[in-house]
Each structure stands twice: as C-alpha cells, then as structure tokens.
Amino acid sequence: MENQQITNDISTLLEKTNVNLVLHALQEENEHSLAIFLLTISPKYSASILSRMKSEQRNDIAREIAV
C-alpha cells in the first residue's frame, strides 16, 4: 500500500510539471525504462509524453509494453 501511495504522489507531482521538461529529462533513457516509467503514471500524462516523442521511439516503446 505504501508503494502505491508513493506512485500516486509521483504521478500527482509529474502532472503539475511541464511535459516538455519531463520529456527532456527522459531523453537519455532506453525504451525499456521509458515503457516501465510510462506504465506507472497516469494514462493521460503518458499519452502527453508519448505524443511529443518521435514516431520511431513511440513504436519502440509500444513494442516494449506489448512484450
């Protein structure tokens, strides 16, 4: 239960943060790490981040999520 609260707190904080700033901070991460990260935050915010990525990177992340 405590881990879920931490995840919720992080999601709440992120949603108050400019998406472009978060995207910049994530630019050095690999697709596997990005997939895990995007699965732990709200779908709406994940979509905001994904929509700003290059299509090739989005496809790679989608493959990671599907596996």
PDB file of N, CA and C in Angstrom:
ATOM      1  N   MET A   1       0.826  -1.191   0.000  1.00  0.00           N
ATOM      2  CA  MET A   1       0.000   0.000   0.000  1.00  0.00           C
ATOM      3  C   MET A   1       0.870   1.255   0.000  1.00  0.00           C
ATOM      4  N   GLU A   2       1.967   1.227   0.729  1.00  0.00           N
ATOM      5  CA  GLU A   2       2.851   2.385   0.793  1.00  0.00           C
ATOM      6  C   GLU A   2       3.465   2.691  -0.571  1.00  0.00           C
ATOM      7  N   ASN A   3       3.857   1.645  -1.318  1.00  0.00           N
ATOM      8  CA  ASN A   3       4.420   1.846  -2.651  1.00  0.00           C
ATOM      9  C   ASN A   3       3.407   2.493  -3.586  1.00  0.00           C
ATOM     10  N   GLN A   4       2.149   2.088  -3.474  1.00  0.00           N
ATOM     11  CA  GLN A   4       1.111   2.672  -4.310  1.00  0.00           C
ATOM     12  C   GLN A   4       0.943   4.158  -4.006  1.00  0.00           C
ATOM     13  N   GLN A   5       1.037   4.518  -2.738  1.00  0.00           N
ATOM     14  CA  GLN A   5       0.913   5.928  -2.356  1.00  0.00           C
ATOM     15  C   GLN A   5       2.065   6.740  -2.926  1.00  0.00           C
ATOM     16  N   ILE A   6       3.254   6.177  -2.896  1.00  0.00           N
ATOM     17  CA  ILE A   6       4.414   6.869  -3.463  1.00  0.00           C
ATOM     18  C   ILE A   6       4.210   7.067  -4.965  1.00  0.00           C
ATOM     19  N   THR A   7       3.744   6.036  -5.636  1.00  0.00           N
ATOM     20  CA  THR A   7       3.477   6.133  -7.071  1.00  0.00           C
ATOM     21  C   THR A   7       2.427   7.203  -7.359  1.00  0.00           C
ATOM     22  N   ASN A   8       1.379   7.232  -6.562  1.00  0.00           N
ATOM     23  CA  ASN A   8       0.337   8.246  -6.735  1.00  0.00           C
ATOM     24  C   ASN A   8       0.889   9.648  -6.508  1.00  0.00           C
ATOM     25  N   ASP A   9       1.731   9.802  -5.490  1.00  0.00           N
ATOM     26  CA  ASP A   9       2.337  11.106  -5.201  1.00  0.00           C
ATOM     27  C   ASP A   9       3.221  11.571  -6.356  1.00  0.00           C
ATOM     28  N   ILE A  10       3.997  10.655  -6.910  1.00  0.00           N
ATOM     29  CA  ILE A  10       4.868  10.989  -8.037  1.00  0.00           C
ATOM     30  C   ILE A  10       4.029  11.383  -9.246  1.00  0.00           C
ATOM     31  N   SER A  11       2.979  10.635  -9.509  1.00  0.00           N
ATOM     32  CA  SER A  11       2.101  10.965 -10.641  1.00  0.00           C
ATOM     33  C   SER A  11       1.484  12.340 -10.477  1.00  0.00           C
ATOM     34  N   THR A  12       1.040  12.644  -9.267  1.00  0.00           N
ATOM     35  CA  THR A  12       0.448  13.953  -8.996  1.00  0.00           C
ATOM     36  C   THR A  12       1.463  15.065  -9.227  1.00  0.00           C
ATOM     37  N   LEU A  13       2.674  14.867  -8.751  1.00  0.00           N
ATOM     38  CA  LEU A  13       3.732  15.855  -8.946  1.00  0.00           C
ATOM     39  C   LEU A  13       4.059  16.026 -10.429  1.00  0.00           C
ATOM     40  N   LEU A  14       4.184  14.922 -11.143  1.00  0.00           N
ATOM     41  CA  LEU A  14       4.513  14.988 -12.560  1.00  0.00           C
ATOM     42  C   LEU A  14       3.448  15.729 -13.357  1.00  0.00           C
ATOM     43  N   GLU A  15       2.192  15.496 -13.033  1.00  0.00           N
ATOM     44  CA  GLU A  15       1.114  16.133 -13.778  1.00  0.00           C
ATOM     45  C   GLU A  15       1.103  17.650 -13.601  1.00  0.00           C
ATOM     46  N   LYS A  16       1.804  18.130 -12.601  1.00  0.00           N
ATOM     47  CA  LYS A  16       1.936  19.567 -12.384  1.00  0.00           C
ATOM     48  C   LYS A  16       3.183  20.124 -13.076  1.00  0.00           C
ATOM     49  N   THR A  17       3.971  19.229 -13.674  1.00  0.00           N
ATOM     50  CA  THR A  17       5.229  19.592 -14.309  1.00  0.00           C
ATOM     51  C   THR A  17       5.033  19.689 -15.818  1.00  0.00           C
ATOM     52  N   ASN A  18       5.661  20.656 -16.431  1.00  0.00           N
ATOM     53  CA  ASN A  18       5.588  20.823 -17.874  1.00  0.00           C
ATOM     54  C   ASN A  18       6.050  19.546 -18.572  1.00  0.00           C
ATOM     55  N   VAL A  19       5.234  19.063 -19.495  1.00  0.00           N
ATOM     56  CA  VAL A  19       5.527  17.814 -20.202  1.00  0.00           C
ATOM     57  C   VAL A  19       6.859  17.894 -20.938  1.00  0.00           C
ATOM     58  N   ASN A  20       7.162  19.036 -21.523  1.00  0.00           N
ATOM     59  CA  ASN A  20       8.423  19.170 -22.255  1.00  0.00           C
ATOM     60  C   ASN A  20       9.632  19.047 -21.337  1.00  0.00           C
ATOM     61  N   LEU A  21       9.498  19.509 -20.113  1.00  0.00           N
ATOM     62  CA  LEU A  21      10.580  19.373 -19.141  1.00  0.00           C
ATOM     63  C   LEU A  21      10.803  17.898 -18.792  1.00  0.00           C
ATOM     64  N   VAL A  22       9.724  17.187 -18.577  1.00  0.00           N
ATOM     65  CA  VAL A  22       9.818  15.747 -18.275  1.00  0.00           C
ATOM     66  C   VAL A  22      10.420  15.010 -19.467  1.00  0.00           C
ATOM     67  N   LEU A  23       9.942  15.334 -20.653  1.00  0.00           N
ATOM     68  CA  LEU A  23      10.464  14.694 -21.862  1.00  0.00           C
ATOM     69  C   LEU A  23      11.968  14.936 -22.002  1.00  0.00           C
ATOM     70  N   HIS A  24      12.408  16.136 -21.727  1.00  0.00           N
ATOM     71  CA  HIS A  24      13.839  16.452 -21.785  1.00  0.00           C
ATOM     72  C   HIS A  24      14.623  15.602 -20.772  1.00  0.00           C
ATOM     73  N   ALA A  25      14.078  15.454 -19.581  1.00  0.00           N
ATOM     74  CA  ALA A  25      14.751  14.668 -18.540  1.00  0.00           C
ATOM     75  C   ALA A  25      14.832  13.191 -18.921  1.00  0.00           C
ATOM     76  N   LEU A  26      13.915  12.728 -19.736  1.00  0.00           N
ATOM     77  CA  LEU A  26      13.863  11.307 -20.102  1.00  0.00           C
ATOM     78  C   LEU A  26      14.614  10.979 -21.388  1.00  0.00           C
ATOM     79  N   GLN A  27      15.155  11.957 -22.055  1.00  0.00           N
ATOM     80  CA  GLN A  27      15.711  11.734 -23.382  1.00  0.00           C
ATOM     81  C   GLN A  27      16.869  10.736 -23.438  1.00  0.00           C
ATOM     82  N   GLU A  28      17.572  10.530 -22.356  1.00  0.00           N
ATOM     83  CA  GLU A  28      18.702   9.594 -22.348  1.00  0.00           C
ATOM     84  C   GLU A  28      18.303   8.174 -21.928  1.00  0.00           C
ATOM     85  N   GLU A  29      17.040   7.983 -21.574  1.00  0.00           N
ATOM     86  CA  GLU A  29      16.587   6.669 -21.118  1.00  0.00           C
ATOM     87  C   GLU A  29      16.337   5.738 -22.296  1.00  0.00           C
ATOM     88  N   ASN A  30      16.533   4.441 -22.074  1.00  0.00           N
ATOM     89  CA  ASN A  30      16.262   3.488 -23.137  1.00  0.00           C
ATOM     90  C   ASN A  30      14.759   3.163 -23.179  1.00  0.00           C
ATOM     91  N   GLU A  31      14.336   2.521 -24.240  1.00  0.00           N
ATOM     92  CA  GLU A  31      12.912   2.277 -24.456  1.00  0.00           C
ATOM     93  C   GLU A  31      12.302   1.396 -23.371  1.00  0.00           C
ATOM     94  N   HIS A  32      13.060   0.454 -22.871  1.00  0.00           N
ATOM     95  CA  HIS A  32      12.547  -0.427 -21.812  1.00  0.00           C
ATOM     96  C   HIS A  32      12.249   0.375 -20.543  1.00  0.00           C
ATOM     97  N   SER A  33      13.177   1.212 -20.157  1.00  0.00           N
ATOM     98  CA  SER A  33      12.980   2.055 -18.968  1.00  0.00           C
ATOM     99  C   SER A  33      11.819   3.022 -19.167  1.00  0.00           C
ATOM    100  N   LEU A  34      11.733   3.596 -20.357  1.00  0.00           N
ATOM    101  CA  LEU A  34      10.629   4.514 -20.651  1.00  0.00           C
ATOM    102  C   LEU A  34       9.275   3.797 -20.581  1.00  0.00           C
ATOM    103  N   ALA A  35       9.229   2.591 -21.093  1.00  0.00           N
ATOM    104  CA  ALA A  35       7.976   1.830 -21.052  1.00  0.00           C
ATOM    105  C   ALA A  35       7.545   1.588 -19.608  1.00  0.00           C
ATOM    106  N   ILE A  36       8.469   1.183 -18.780  1.00  0.00           N
ATOM    107  CA  ILE A  36       8.151   0.953 -17.363  1.00  0.00           C
ATOM    108  C   ILE A  36       7.674   2.250 -16.714  1.00  0.00           C
ATOM    109  N   PHE A  37       8.378   3.326 -16.964  1.00  0.00           N
ATOM    110  CA  PHE A  37       8.004   4.616 -16.395  1.00  0.00           C
ATOM    111  C   PHE A  37       6.604   5.020 -16.848  1.00  0.00           C
ATOM    112  N   LEU A  38       6.341   4.931 -18.139  1.00  0.00           N
ATOM    113  CA  LEU A  38       5.053   5.360 -18.668  1.00  0.00           C
ATOM    114  C   LEU A  38       3.895   4.508 -18.155  1.00  0.00           C
ATOM    115  N   LEU A  39       4.176   3.266 -17.829  1.00  0.00           N
ATOM    116  CA  LEU A  39       3.132   2.398 -17.268  1.00  0.00           C
ATOM    117  C   LEU A  39       2.808   2.719 -15.812  1.00  0.00           C
ATOM    118  N   THR A  40       3.689   3.461 -15.158  1.00  0.00           N
ATOM    119  CA  THR A  40       3.460   3.752 -13.736  1.00  0.00           C
ATOM    120  C   THR A  40       2.798   5.109 -13.500  1.00  0.00           C
ATOM    121  N   ILE A  41       2.648   5.908 -14.549  1.00  0.00           N
ATOM    122  CA  ILE A  41       1.996   7.208 -14.391  1.00  0.00           C
ATOM    123  C   ILE A  41       0.630   7.159 -15.065  1.00  0.00           C
ATOM    124  N   SER A  42      -0.125   8.219 -14.919  1.00  0.00           N
ATOM    125  CA  SER A  42      -1.486   8.225 -15.459  1.00  0.00           C
ATOM    126  C   SER A  42      -1.473   8.085 -16.982  1.00  0.00           C
ATOM    127  N   PRO A  43      -2.461   7.394 -17.531  1.00  0.00           N
ATOM    128  CA  PRO A  43      -2.534   7.228 -18.987  1.00  0.00           C
ATOM    129  C   PRO A  43      -2.572   8.571 -19.729  1.00  0.00           C
ATOM    130  N   LYS A  44      -3.259   9.543 -19.180  1.00  0.00           N
ATOM    131  CA  LYS A  44      -3.362  10.852 -19.824  1.00  0.00           C
ATOM    132  C   LYS A  44      -1.984  11.513 -19.922  1.00  0.00           C
ATOM    133  N   TYR A  45      -1.220  11.445 -18.848  1.00  0.00           N
ATOM    134  CA  TYR A  45       0.109  12.071 -18.855  1.00  0.00           C
ATOM    135  C   TYR A  45       1.074  11.264 -19.726  1.00  0.00           C
ATOM    136  N   SER A  46       0.948   9.937 -19.687  1.00  0.00           N
ATOM    137  CA  SER A  46       1.766   9.090 -20.565  1.00  0.00           C
ATOM    138  C   SER A  46       1.523   9.446 -22.024  1.00  0.00           C
ATOM    139  N   ALA A  47       0.260   9.631 -22.366  1.00  0.00           N
ATOM    140  CA  ALA A  47      -0.095   9.992 -23.739  1.00  0.00           C
ATOM    141  C   ALA A  47       0.498  11.345 -24.117  1.00  0.00           C
ATOM    142  N   SER A  48       0.504  12.271 -23.179  1.00  0.00           N
ATOM    143  CA  SER A  48       1.091  13.594 -23.443  1.00  0.00           C
ATOM    144  C   SER A  48       2.580  13.483 -23.747  1.00  0.00           C
ATOM    145  N   ILE A  49       3.253  12.638 -23.001  1.00  0.00           N
ATOM    146  CA  ILE A  49       4.689  12.439 -23.219  1.00  0.00           C
ATOM    147  C   ILE A  49       4.917  11.729 -24.552  1.00  0.00           C
ATOM    148  N   LEU A  50       4.195  10.630 -24.764  1.00  0.00           N
ATOM    149  CA  LEU A  50       4.367   9.858 -25.997  1.00  0.00           C
ATOM    150  C   LEU A  50       4.079  10.687 -27.238  1.00  0.00           C
ATOM    151  N   SER A  51       3.084  11.536 -27.174  1.00  0.00           N
ATOM    152  CA  SER A  51       2.709  12.326 -28.347  1.00  0.00           C
ATOM    153  C   SER A  51       3.800  13.304 -28.768  1.00  0.00           C
ATOM    154  N   ARG A  52       4.722  13.594 -27.885  1.00  0.00           N
ATOM    155  CA  ARG A  52       5.810  14.526 -28.189  1.00  0.00           C
ATOM    156  C   ARG A  52       7.104  13.818 -28.612  1.00  0.00           C
ATOM    157  N   MET A  53       7.086  12.494 -28.591  1.00  0.00           N
ATOM    158  CA  MET A  53       8.262  11.723 -28.991  1.00  0.00           C
ATOM    159  C   MET A  53       8.229  11.459 -30.491  1.00  0.00           C
ATOM    160  N   LYS A  54       9.391  11.163 -31.044  1.00  0.00           N
ATOM    161  CA  LYS A  54       9.474  10.780 -32.451  1.00  0.00           C
ATOM    162  C   LYS A  54       8.735   9.450 -32.643  1.00  0.00           C
ATOM    163  N   SER A  55       8.161   9.267 -33.815  1.00  0.00           N
ATOM    164  CA  SER A  55       7.346   8.074 -34.066  1.00  0.00           C
ATOM    165  C   SER A  55       8.144   6.784 -33.894  1.00  0.00           C
ATOM    166  N   GLU A  56       9.404   6.776 -34.283  1.00  0.00           N
ATOM    167  CA  GLU A  56      10.231   5.568 -34.135  1.00  0.00           C
ATOM    168  C   GLU A  56      10.376   5.196 -32.652  1.00  0.00           C
ATOM    169  N   GLN A  57      10.614   6.204 -31.812  1.00  0.00           N
ATOM    170  CA  GLN A  57      10.756   5.945 -30.382  1.00  0.00           C
ATOM    171  C   GLN A  57       9.430   5.476 -29.788  1.00  0.00           C
ATOM    172  N   ARG A  58       8.327   6.080 -30.214  1.00  0.00           N
ATOM    173  CA  ARG A  58       6.989   5.645 -29.746  1.00  0.00           C
ATOM    174  C   ARG A  58       6.756   4.185 -30.100  1.00  0.00           C
ATOM    175  N   ASN A  59       7.115   3.814 -31.325  1.00  0.00           N
ATOM    176  CA  ASN A  59       6.944   2.424 -31.763  1.00  0.00           C
ATOM    177  C   ASN A  59       7.781   1.468 -30.921  1.00  0.00           C
ATOM    178  N   ASP A  60       9.013   1.847 -30.647  1.00  0.00           N
ATOM    179  CA  ASP A  60       9.896   1.003 -29.829  1.00  0.00           C
ATOM    180  C   ASP A  60       9.328   0.829 -28.417  1.00  0.00           C
ATOM    181  N   ILE A  61       8.801   1.903 -27.858  1.00  0.00           N
ATOM    182  CA  ILE A  61       8.212   1.830 -26.515  1.00  0.00           C
ATOM    183  C   ILE A  61       6.963   0.959 -26.529  1.00  0.00           C
ATOM    184  N   ALA A  62       6.155   1.104 -27.568  1.00  0.00           N
ATOM    185  CA  ALA A  62       4.940   0.267 -27.683  1.00  0.00           C
ATOM    186  C   ALA A  62       5.311  -1.208 -27.755  1.00  0.00           C
ATOM    187  N   ARG A  63       6.379  -1.530 -28.471  1.00  0.00           N
ATOM    188  CA  ARG A  63       6.843  -2.924 -28.540  1.00  0.00           C
ATOM    189  C   ARG A  63       7.269  -3.417 -27.156  1.00  0.00           C
ATOM    190  N   GLU A  64       7.959  -2.578 -26.423  1.00  0.00           N
ATOM    191  CA  GLU A  64       8.388  -2.963 -25.074  1.00  0.00           C
ATOM    192  C   GLU A  64       7.188  -3.222 -24.173  1.00  0.00           C
ATOM    193  N   ILE A  65       6.173  -2.381 -24.273  1.00  0.00           N
ATOM    194  CA  ILE A  65       4.976  -2.554 -23.444  1.00  0.00           C
ATOM    195  C   ILE A  65       4.249  -3.839 -23.830  1.00  0.00           C
ATOM    196  N   ALA A  66       4.217  -4.144 -25.121  1.00  0.00           N
ATOM    197  CA  ALA A  66       3.489  -5.318 -25.599  1.00  0.00           C
ATOM    198  C   ALA A  66       4.152  -6.628 -25.194  1.00  0.00           C
ATOM    199  N   VAL A  67       5.456  -6.594 -24.952  1.00  0.00           N
ATOM    200  CA  VAL A  67       6.188  -7.821 -24.615  1.00  0.00           C
ATOM    201  C   VAL A  67       5.988  -8.210 -23.219  1.00  0.00           C
TER     202      VAL A  67
END
